[in-house]
Amino acid sequence: MNSNFDESRDLTLLTNIEHQPDATQADLATQLGVAVGTVNWHIKRLISKGYVKVMRAERKKLRYIITPEGLAQRARLTVDYVDQQFLLYRRVRKKVKECVQQLKEEGCAGVQIQGDGDVADICKLTCLEQNMPITNDPNHPTLEVKGMSVNLIAATKNDNG
């Protein structure tokens, strides 16, 4: 499995366990959108690393407690997550600025943005900041957002401004 993916799940689990120690593995699986077996595997890992301990709350009910080590790990994972998000933000802004510069050099008077989500929002804000109007005109080039990547696609017709 991807280390960043595991860290993201660890962060989510540690946060949820801290806020809802009585949550069942089924509850946690629903919150993560994964199978109960996946949550079980991650919790066993967190327990083996000393980040979580288990106490029996009732005969068949377990209670998960985040340890001081788990709190420190959650804090580290949170900082890492924020760092990764800022890195993504800076990368997208740099790419969009380069695309806008290219479009200005070609004399384009606007750009379409195709896609949605946070990356598309960063594209929109960067275009506005760079004085590049956003349009729905298919005669203008398109910044296509797919997942975390942004690609510049030429217009269907020449854009003479």
N, C-alpha and C. Protein backbone atom coordinates (compact mmCIF):
# COMPACT_ATOMS: atom_id res chain seq x y z
N MET A 1 0.83 -1.20 0.00
CA MET A 1 0.00 0.00 0.00
C MET A 1 0.87 1.25 0.00
N ASN A 2 0.32 2.31 -0.48
CA ASN A 2 1.00 3.59 -0.55
C ASN A 2 1.16 4.17 0.86
N SER A 3 2.35 4.62 1.19
CA SER A 3 2.64 5.16 2.52
C SER A 3 1.78 6.38 2.82
N ASN A 4 1.64 7.29 1.84
CA ASN A 4 0.80 8.48 2.07
C ASN A 4 -0.64 8.09 2.30
N PHE A 5 -1.09 7.05 1.59
CA PHE A 5 -2.46 6.56 1.75
C PHE A 5 -2.65 6.01 3.16
N ASP A 6 -1.69 5.20 3.63
CA ASP A 6 -1.75 4.66 4.99
C ASP A 6 -1.73 5.78 6.02
N GLU A 7 -0.87 6.78 5.80
CA GLU A 7 -0.80 7.89 6.74
C GLU A 7 -2.10 8.67 6.78
N SER A 8 -2.74 8.83 5.63
CA SER A 8 -4.02 9.53 5.58
C SER A 8 -5.07 8.75 6.37
N ARG A 9 -5.10 7.44 6.19
CA ARG A 9 -6.05 6.61 6.96
C ARG A 9 -5.72 6.63 8.44
N ASP A 10 -4.42 6.56 8.76
CA ASP A 10 -4.02 6.62 10.18
C ASP A 10 -4.50 7.93 10.80
N LEU A 11 -4.30 9.03 10.09
CA LEU A 11 -4.73 10.34 10.59
C LEU A 11 -6.24 10.35 10.83
N THR A 12 -6.99 9.85 9.86
CA THR A 12 -8.45 9.82 9.99
C THR A 12 -8.87 8.94 11.16
N LEU A 13 -8.27 7.76 11.27
CA LEU A 13 -8.62 6.86 12.37
C LEU A 13 -8.25 7.45 13.72
N LEU A 14 -7.05 7.98 13.84
CA LEU A 14 -6.63 8.56 15.12
C LEU A 14 -7.54 9.72 15.52
N THR A 15 -7.91 10.54 14.56
CA THR A 15 -8.80 11.68 14.84
C THR A 15 -10.17 11.17 15.27
N ASN A 16 -10.71 10.21 14.52
CA ASN A 16 -12.03 9.68 14.86
C ASN A 16 -12.04 8.97 16.20
N ILE A 17 -10.99 8.20 16.48
CA ILE A 17 -10.90 7.49 17.76
C ILE A 17 -10.80 8.49 18.91
N GLU A 18 -10.04 9.55 18.71
CA GLU A 18 -9.92 10.57 19.77
C GLU A 18 -11.28 11.20 20.07
N HIS A 19 -12.04 11.48 19.03
CA HIS A 19 -13.32 12.16 19.21
C HIS A 19 -14.47 11.21 19.55
N GLN A 20 -14.35 9.94 19.13
CA GLN A 20 -15.42 8.97 19.36
C GLN A 20 -14.82 7.63 19.81
N PRO A 21 -14.33 7.55 21.04
CA PRO A 21 -13.68 6.32 21.49
C PRO A 21 -14.61 5.11 21.50
N ASP A 22 -15.92 5.33 21.53
CA ASP A 22 -16.86 4.21 21.54
C ASP A 22 -17.29 3.77 20.14
N ALA A 23 -16.72 4.39 19.10
CA ALA A 23 -17.06 4.00 17.73
C ALA A 23 -16.63 2.56 17.48
N THR A 24 -17.47 1.84 16.78
CA THR A 24 -17.14 0.46 16.43
C THR A 24 -16.30 0.47 15.15
N GLN A 25 -15.71 -0.68 14.85
CA GLN A 25 -14.97 -0.78 13.60
C GLN A 25 -15.90 -0.57 12.41
N ALA A 26 -17.14 -0.99 12.53
CA ALA A 26 -18.12 -0.77 11.46
C ALA A 26 -18.38 0.73 11.28
N ASP A 27 -18.49 1.46 12.40
CA ASP A 27 -18.68 2.92 12.33
C ASP A 27 -17.49 3.56 11.62
N LEU A 28 -16.30 3.17 12.03
CA LEU A 28 -15.08 3.74 11.45
C LEU A 28 -14.98 3.39 9.96
N ALA A 29 -15.36 2.17 9.60
CA ALA A 29 -15.32 1.75 8.20
C ALA A 29 -16.27 2.60 7.36
N THR A 30 -17.44 2.88 7.91
CA THR A 30 -18.40 3.72 7.19
C THR A 30 -17.84 5.13 7.00
N GLN A 31 -17.23 5.69 8.03
CA GLN A 31 -16.65 7.03 7.94
C GLN A 31 -15.53 7.09 6.92
N LEU A 32 -14.75 6.02 6.82
CA LEU A 32 -13.63 5.98 5.87
C LEU A 32 -14.06 5.51 4.48
N GLY A 33 -15.21 4.88 4.39
CA GLY A 33 -15.65 4.34 3.11
C GLY A 33 -14.88 3.10 2.70
N VAL A 34 -14.52 2.27 3.68
CA VAL A 34 -13.76 1.05 3.40
C VAL A 34 -14.42 -0.13 4.12
N ALA A 35 -13.90 -1.31 3.88
CA ALA A 35 -14.41 -2.52 4.53
C ALA A 35 -13.96 -2.56 6.00
N VAL A 36 -14.74 -3.25 6.81
CA VAL A 36 -14.42 -3.40 8.23
C VAL A 36 -13.06 -4.07 8.39
N GLY A 37 -12.75 -5.04 7.54
CA GLY A 37 -11.46 -5.72 7.60
C GLY A 37 -10.29 -4.77 7.42
N THR A 38 -10.47 -3.76 6.57
CA THR A 38 -9.42 -2.76 6.36
C THR A 38 -9.20 -1.95 7.63
N VAL A 39 -10.30 -1.55 8.26
CA VAL A 39 -10.20 -0.80 9.52
C VAL A 39 -9.53 -1.67 10.57
N ASN A 40 -9.91 -2.94 10.63
CA ASN A 40 -9.33 -3.86 11.61
C ASN A 40 -7.82 -3.94 11.43
N TRP A 41 -7.37 -4.07 10.16
CA TRP A 41 -5.93 -4.14 9.88
C TRP A 41 -5.22 -2.87 10.34
N HIS A 42 -5.80 -1.70 10.01
CA HIS A 42 -5.18 -0.43 10.41
C HIS A 42 -5.16 -0.27 11.93
N ILE A 43 -6.23 -0.63 12.60
CA ILE A 43 -6.27 -0.50 14.06
C ILE A 43 -5.24 -1.42 14.70
N LYS A 44 -5.13 -2.65 14.21
CA LYS A 44 -4.11 -3.56 14.74
C LYS A 44 -2.71 -2.96 14.58
N ARG A 45 -2.46 -2.32 13.43
CA ARG A 45 -1.18 -1.64 13.20
C ARG A 45 -0.97 -0.52 14.20
N LEU A 46 -2.01 0.30 14.41
CA LEU A 46 -1.91 1.42 15.35
C LEU A 46 -1.69 0.92 16.77
N ILE A 47 -2.32 -0.20 17.12
CA ILE A 47 -2.13 -0.79 18.45
C ILE A 47 -0.70 -1.30 18.59
N SER A 48 -0.19 -1.99 17.56
CA SER A 48 1.17 -2.54 17.63
C SER A 48 2.23 -1.45 17.73
N LYS A 49 1.92 -0.26 17.18
CA LYS A 49 2.86 0.86 17.26
C LYS A 49 2.70 1.66 18.55
N GLY A 50 1.70 1.31 19.36
CA GLY A 50 1.50 1.99 20.64
C GLY A 50 0.71 3.29 20.54
N TYR A 51 0.03 3.50 19.42
CA TYR A 51 -0.74 4.74 19.23
C TYR A 51 -2.16 4.63 19.76
N VAL A 52 -2.65 3.40 19.86
CA VAL A 52 -4.01 3.15 20.32
C VAL A 52 -3.97 1.96 21.27
N LYS A 53 -4.81 2.00 22.31
CA LYS A 53 -4.97 0.82 23.14
C LYS A 53 -6.45 0.48 23.19
N VAL A 54 -6.73 -0.77 23.52
CA VAL A 54 -8.10 -1.26 23.52
C VAL A 54 -8.49 -1.61 24.95
N MET A 55 -9.68 -1.18 25.32
CA MET A 55 -10.23 -1.55 26.63
C MET A 55 -11.61 -2.15 26.37
N ARG A 56 -11.97 -3.11 27.19
CA ARG A 56 -13.29 -3.70 27.06
C ARG A 56 -14.28 -2.81 27.81
N ALA A 57 -15.25 -2.28 27.08
CA ALA A 57 -16.25 -1.40 27.69
C ALA A 57 -17.42 -2.22 28.23
N GLU A 58 -17.84 -3.21 27.49
CA GLU A 58 -18.89 -4.13 27.90
C GLU A 58 -18.46 -5.51 27.44
N ARG A 59 -19.32 -6.47 27.66
CA ARG A 59 -18.96 -7.85 27.33
C ARG A 59 -18.47 -8.00 25.89
N LYS A 60 -19.20 -7.43 24.93
CA LYS A 60 -18.82 -7.57 23.53
C LYS A 60 -18.40 -6.25 22.91
N LYS A 61 -18.28 -5.22 23.70
CA LYS A 61 -17.98 -3.89 23.16
C LYS A 61 -16.57 -3.47 23.56
N LEU A 62 -15.83 -3.01 22.55
CA LEU A 62 -14.47 -2.52 22.79
C LEU A 62 -14.47 -1.01 22.75
N ARG A 63 -13.52 -0.44 23.46
CA ARG A 63 -13.33 1.02 23.44
C ARG A 63 -11.88 1.26 23.04
N TYR A 64 -11.71 2.13 22.05
CA TYR A 64 -10.37 2.46 21.58
C TYR A 64 -9.94 3.77 22.21
N ILE A 65 -8.74 3.76 22.76
CA ILE A 65 -8.20 4.94 23.43
C ILE A 65 -6.92 5.35 22.70
N ILE A 66 -6.85 6.61 22.32
CA ILE A 66 -5.63 7.12 21.70
C ILE A 66 -4.63 7.41 22.82
N THR A 67 -3.42 6.92 22.66
CA THR A 67 -2.37 7.09 23.68
C THR A 67 -1.66 8.43 23.48
N PRO A 68 -0.85 8.86 24.45
CA PRO A 68 -0.06 10.07 24.23
C PRO A 68 0.82 9.97 22.98
N GLU A 69 1.36 8.78 22.72
CA GLU A 69 2.14 8.57 21.50
C GLU A 69 1.25 8.73 20.27
N GLY A 70 0.01 8.27 20.38
CA GLY A 70 -0.94 8.41 19.30
C GLY A 70 -1.31 9.87 19.05
N LEU A 71 -1.43 10.64 20.13
CA LEU A 71 -1.70 12.08 19.97
C LEU A 71 -0.54 12.77 19.27
N ALA A 72 0.68 12.40 19.65
CA ALA A 72 1.86 12.99 19.01
C ALA A 72 1.92 12.59 17.53
N GLN A 73 1.59 11.34 17.23
CA GLN A 73 1.59 10.87 15.85
C GLN A 73 0.51 11.59 15.04
N ARG A 74 -0.67 11.77 15.63
CA ARG A 74 -1.75 12.48 14.95
C ARG A 74 -1.32 13.91 14.63
N ALA A 75 -0.65 14.55 15.57
CA ALA A 75 -0.17 15.92 15.34
C ALA A 75 0.85 15.95 14.20
N ARG A 76 1.77 14.98 14.19
CA ARG A 76 2.76 14.91 13.11
C ARG A 76 2.10 14.66 11.76
N LEU A 77 1.16 13.75 11.74
CA LEU A 77 0.45 13.45 10.49
C LEU A 77 -0.36 14.65 10.01
N THR A 78 -0.91 15.40 10.93
CA THR A 78 -1.66 16.61 10.57
C THR A 78 -0.74 17.63 9.92
N VAL A 79 0.42 17.85 10.51
CA VAL A 79 1.40 18.79 9.94
C VAL A 79 1.84 18.31 8.56
N ASP A 80 2.11 17.01 8.43
CA ASP A 80 2.51 16.46 7.13
C ASP A 80 1.40 16.66 6.09
N TYR A 81 0.15 16.45 6.50
CA TYR A 81 -0.98 16.62 5.59
C TYR A 81 -1.07 18.07 5.12
N VAL A 82 -0.96 19.00 6.04
CA VAL A 82 -1.03 20.42 5.68
C VAL A 82 0.13 20.77 4.74
N ASP A 83 1.33 20.28 5.04
CA ASP A 83 2.48 20.52 4.16
C ASP A 83 2.21 20.00 2.75
N GLN A 84 1.64 18.80 2.63
CA GLN A 84 1.35 18.22 1.32
C GLN A 84 0.30 19.03 0.57
N GLN A 85 -0.68 19.55 1.29
CA GLN A 85 -1.72 20.36 0.64
C GLN A 85 -1.15 21.68 0.13
N PHE A 86 -0.26 22.29 0.91
CA PHE A 86 0.37 23.53 0.45
C PHE A 86 1.29 23.27 -0.74
N LEU A 87 1.97 22.14 -0.74
CA LEU A 87 2.81 21.76 -1.87
C LEU A 87 1.96 21.60 -3.13
N LEU A 88 0.84 20.92 -3.01
CA LEU A 88 -0.09 20.77 -4.13
C LEU A 88 -0.56 22.14 -4.59
N TYR A 89 -0.94 23.01 -3.68
CA TYR A 89 -1.42 24.36 -4.00
C TYR A 89 -0.35 25.12 -4.80
N ARG A 90 0.90 25.09 -4.31
CA ARG A 90 1.98 25.81 -4.98
C ARG A 90 2.25 25.23 -6.38
N ARG A 91 2.21 23.90 -6.51
CA ARG A 91 2.44 23.26 -7.81
C ARG A 91 1.37 23.65 -8.82
N VAL A 92 0.12 23.61 -8.39
CA VAL A 92 -0.98 23.96 -9.30
C VAL A 92 -0.87 25.42 -9.70
N ARG A 93 -0.62 26.31 -8.75
CA ARG A 93 -0.49 27.73 -9.07
C ARG A 93 0.64 27.98 -10.06
N LYS A 94 1.77 27.32 -9.86
CA LYS A 94 2.91 27.49 -10.76
C LYS A 94 2.54 27.03 -12.17
N LYS A 95 1.91 25.88 -12.28
CA LYS A 95 1.51 25.35 -13.59
C LYS A 95 0.52 26.29 -14.27
N VAL A 96 -0.47 26.78 -13.53
CA VAL A 96 -1.48 27.66 -14.12
C VAL A 96 -0.86 28.99 -14.53
N LYS A 97 0.04 29.53 -13.72
CA LYS A 97 0.73 30.78 -14.08
C LYS A 97 1.50 30.60 -15.38
N GLU A 98 2.18 29.46 -15.53
CA GLU A 98 2.93 29.18 -16.77
C GLU A 98 1.98 29.10 -17.96
N CYS A 99 0.85 28.43 -17.78
CA CYS A 99 -0.14 28.32 -18.86
C CYS A 99 -0.70 29.69 -19.22
N VAL A 100 -1.03 30.50 -18.22
CA VAL A 100 -1.57 31.84 -18.47
C VAL A 100 -0.54 32.69 -19.21
N GLN A 101 0.71 32.60 -18.81
CA GLN A 101 1.77 33.35 -19.48
C GLN A 101 1.85 32.95 -20.95
N GLN A 102 1.80 31.66 -21.21
CA GLN A 102 1.82 31.15 -22.59
C GLN A 102 0.62 31.69 -23.37
N LEU A 103 -0.55 31.65 -22.76
CA LEU A 103 -1.76 32.13 -23.43
C LEU A 103 -1.67 33.62 -23.74
N LYS A 104 -1.13 34.39 -22.80
CA LYS A 104 -0.98 35.84 -23.03
C LYS A 104 -0.02 36.09 -24.19
N GLU A 105 1.08 35.32 -24.23
CA GLU A 105 2.05 35.47 -25.32
C GLU A 105 1.43 35.13 -26.66
N GLU A 106 0.46 34.22 -26.66
CA GLU A 106 -0.23 33.83 -27.90
C GLU A 106 -1.40 34.77 -28.22
N GLY A 107 -1.64 35.74 -27.34
CA GLY A 107 -2.70 36.72 -27.57
C GLY A 107 -4.10 36.27 -27.19
N CYS A 108 -4.20 35.25 -26.39
CA CYS A 108 -5.52 34.76 -25.96
C CYS A 108 -6.15 35.73 -24.97
N ALA A 109 -7.46 35.87 -25.10
CA ALA A 109 -8.18 36.83 -24.25
C ALA A 109 -9.03 36.13 -23.19
N GLY A 110 -8.94 34.84 -23.07
CA GLY A 110 -9.71 34.11 -22.08
C GLY A 110 -9.38 32.64 -22.11
N VAL A 111 -9.84 31.94 -21.08
CA VAL A 111 -9.58 30.52 -20.95
C VAL A 111 -10.79 29.86 -20.30
N GLN A 112 -11.06 28.65 -20.74
CA GLN A 112 -12.09 27.84 -20.10
C GLN A 112 -11.42 26.99 -19.02
N ILE A 113 -12.17 26.65 -18.00
CA ILE A 113 -11.67 25.71 -16.99
C ILE A 113 -12.64 24.55 -16.96
N GLN A 114 -12.11 23.37 -17.21
CA GLN A 114 -12.91 22.16 -17.25
C GLN A 114 -12.52 21.28 -16.06
N GLY A 115 -13.49 20.97 -15.24
CA GLY A 115 -13.23 20.16 -14.05
C GLY A 115 -13.78 20.88 -12.85
N ASP A 116 -13.71 20.21 -11.71
CA ASP A 116 -14.20 20.83 -10.50
C ASP A 116 -13.36 20.39 -9.31
N GLY A 117 -13.71 20.89 -8.16
CA GLY A 117 -12.97 20.55 -6.95
C GLY A 117 -11.95 21.61 -6.60
N ASP A 118 -11.13 21.28 -5.62
CA ASP A 118 -10.14 22.23 -5.10
C ASP A 118 -9.13 22.67 -6.15
N VAL A 119 -8.66 21.73 -6.98
CA VAL A 119 -7.66 22.08 -7.99
C VAL A 119 -8.27 23.04 -9.00
N ALA A 120 -9.51 22.81 -9.41
CA ALA A 120 -10.18 23.73 -10.34
C ALA A 120 -10.36 25.11 -9.69
N ASP A 121 -10.67 25.13 -8.41
CA ASP A 121 -10.81 26.41 -7.69
C ASP A 121 -9.49 27.18 -7.68
N ILE A 122 -8.38 26.45 -7.46
CA ILE A 122 -7.06 27.10 -7.49
C ILE A 122 -6.79 27.67 -8.89
N CYS A 123 -7.18 26.92 -9.92
CA CYS A 123 -7.01 27.40 -11.31
C CYS A 123 -7.79 28.69 -11.52
N LYS A 124 -9.04 28.71 -11.09
CA LYS A 124 -9.88 29.90 -11.26
C LYS A 124 -9.28 31.11 -10.55
N LEU A 125 -8.89 30.93 -9.31
CA LEU A 125 -8.32 32.05 -8.55
C LEU A 125 -7.02 32.55 -9.17
N THR A 126 -6.19 31.63 -9.63
CA THR A 126 -4.92 32.02 -10.24
C THR A 126 -5.15 32.76 -11.55
N CYS A 127 -6.10 32.30 -12.37
CA CYS A 127 -6.42 33.00 -13.62
C CYS A 127 -6.91 34.41 -13.33
N LEU A 128 -7.80 34.54 -12.38
CA LEU A 128 -8.32 35.87 -12.04
C LEU A 128 -7.20 36.78 -11.53
N GLU A 129 -6.33 36.22 -10.69
CA GLU A 129 -5.20 36.99 -10.17
C GLU A 129 -4.26 37.45 -11.29
N GLN A 130 -4.14 36.62 -12.33
CA GLN A 130 -3.25 36.93 -13.46
C GLN A 130 -3.97 37.70 -14.57
N ASN A 131 -5.17 38.18 -14.27
CA ASN A 131 -5.98 38.96 -15.23
C ASN A 131 -6.27 38.18 -16.51
N MET A 132 -6.55 36.90 -16.35
CA MET A 132 -6.95 36.06 -17.48
C MET A 132 -8.43 35.72 -17.27
N PRO A 133 -9.31 36.31 -18.07
CA PRO A 133 -10.74 36.05 -17.91
C PRO A 133 -11.08 34.57 -18.12
N ILE A 134 -12.03 34.10 -17.32
CA ILE A 134 -12.53 32.73 -17.44
C ILE A 134 -13.81 32.81 -18.26
N THR A 135 -13.91 31.94 -19.26
CA THR A 135 -15.03 31.98 -20.19
C THR A 135 -15.58 30.59 -20.43
N ASN A 136 -16.76 30.52 -21.01
CA ASN A 136 -17.33 29.24 -21.45
C ASN A 136 -17.27 29.11 -22.96
N ASP A 137 -16.58 30.03 -23.61
CA ASP A 137 -16.49 30.06 -25.07
C ASP A 137 -15.56 28.93 -25.56
N PRO A 138 -16.09 27.99 -26.36
CA PRO A 138 -15.26 26.88 -26.86
C PRO A 138 -14.16 27.33 -27.83
N ASN A 139 -14.19 28.59 -28.24
CA ASN A 139 -13.14 29.11 -29.10
C ASN A 139 -11.89 29.49 -28.32
N HIS A 140 -11.96 29.40 -27.01
CA HIS A 140 -10.81 29.70 -26.16
C HIS A 140 -10.15 28.40 -25.70
N PRO A 141 -8.88 28.46 -25.37
CA PRO A 141 -8.19 27.26 -24.84
C PRO A 141 -8.83 26.84 -23.51
N THR A 142 -8.50 25.62 -23.10
CA THR A 142 -9.08 25.05 -21.88
C THR A 142 -7.98 24.60 -20.93
N LEU A 143 -8.14 24.94 -19.67
CA LEU A 143 -7.35 24.32 -18.61
C LEU A 143 -8.18 23.14 -18.13
N GLU A 144 -7.69 21.95 -18.39
CA GLU A 144 -8.42 20.74 -18.04
C GLU A 144 -7.88 20.19 -16.73
N VAL A 145 -8.76 20.06 -15.75
CA VAL A 145 -8.39 19.53 -14.43
C VAL A 145 -8.84 18.07 -14.37
N LYS A 146 -7.87 17.19 -14.16
CA LYS A 146 -8.15 15.76 -13.97
C LYS A 146 -7.44 15.34 -12.70
N GLY A 147 -8.20 15.11 -11.66
CA GLY A 147 -7.60 14.74 -10.38
C GLY A 147 -6.75 15.88 -9.85
N MET A 148 -5.46 15.63 -9.73
CA MET A 148 -4.54 16.64 -9.21
C MET A 148 -3.73 17.30 -10.32
N SER A 149 -3.99 16.93 -11.58
CA SER A 149 -3.19 17.50 -12.67
C SER A 149 -4.00 18.51 -13.48
N VAL A 150 -3.26 19.44 -14.10
CA VAL A 150 -3.85 20.49 -14.94
C VAL A 150 -3.13 20.46 -16.27
N ASN A 151 -3.91 20.41 -17.36
CA ASN A 151 -3.32 20.41 -18.70
C ASN A 151 -3.97 21.50 -19.53
N LEU A 152 -3.16 22.14 -20.36
CA LEU A 152 -3.66 23.17 -21.27
C LEU A 152 -3.99 22.52 -22.60
N ILE A 153 -5.23 22.72 -23.04
CA ILE A 153 -5.70 22.16 -24.31
C ILE A 153 -6.01 23.33 -25.24
N ALA A 154 -5.49 23.24 -26.46
CA ALA A 154 -5.69 24.31 -27.43
C ALA A 154 -7.16 24.50 -27.76
N ALA A 155 -7.49 25.71 -28.20
CA ALA A 155 -8.88 26.02 -28.58
C ALA A 155 -9.26 25.24 -29.83
N THR A 156 -10.56 25.07 -30.02
CA THR A 156 -11.04 24.37 -31.21
C THR A 156 -10.87 25.25 -32.45
N LYS A 157 -10.89 26.57 -32.26
CA LYS A 157 -10.66 27.50 -33.35
C LYS A 157 -9.61 28.50 -32.88
N ASN A 158 -9.05 29.27 -33.81
CA ASN A 158 -8.08 30.29 -33.40
C ASN A 158 -8.73 31.35 -32.55
N ASP A 159 -8.05 31.75 -31.50
CA ASP A 159 -8.54 32.82 -30.61
C ASP A 159 -7.73 34.05 -30.90
N ASN A 160 -8.34 35.01 -31.51
CA ASN A 160 -7.63 36.24 -31.85
C ASN A 160 -7.93 37.36 -30.87
N GLY A 161 -8.36 36.99 -29.70
CA GLY A 161 -8.57 38.00 -28.67
C GLY A 161 -9.96 38.38 -28.59
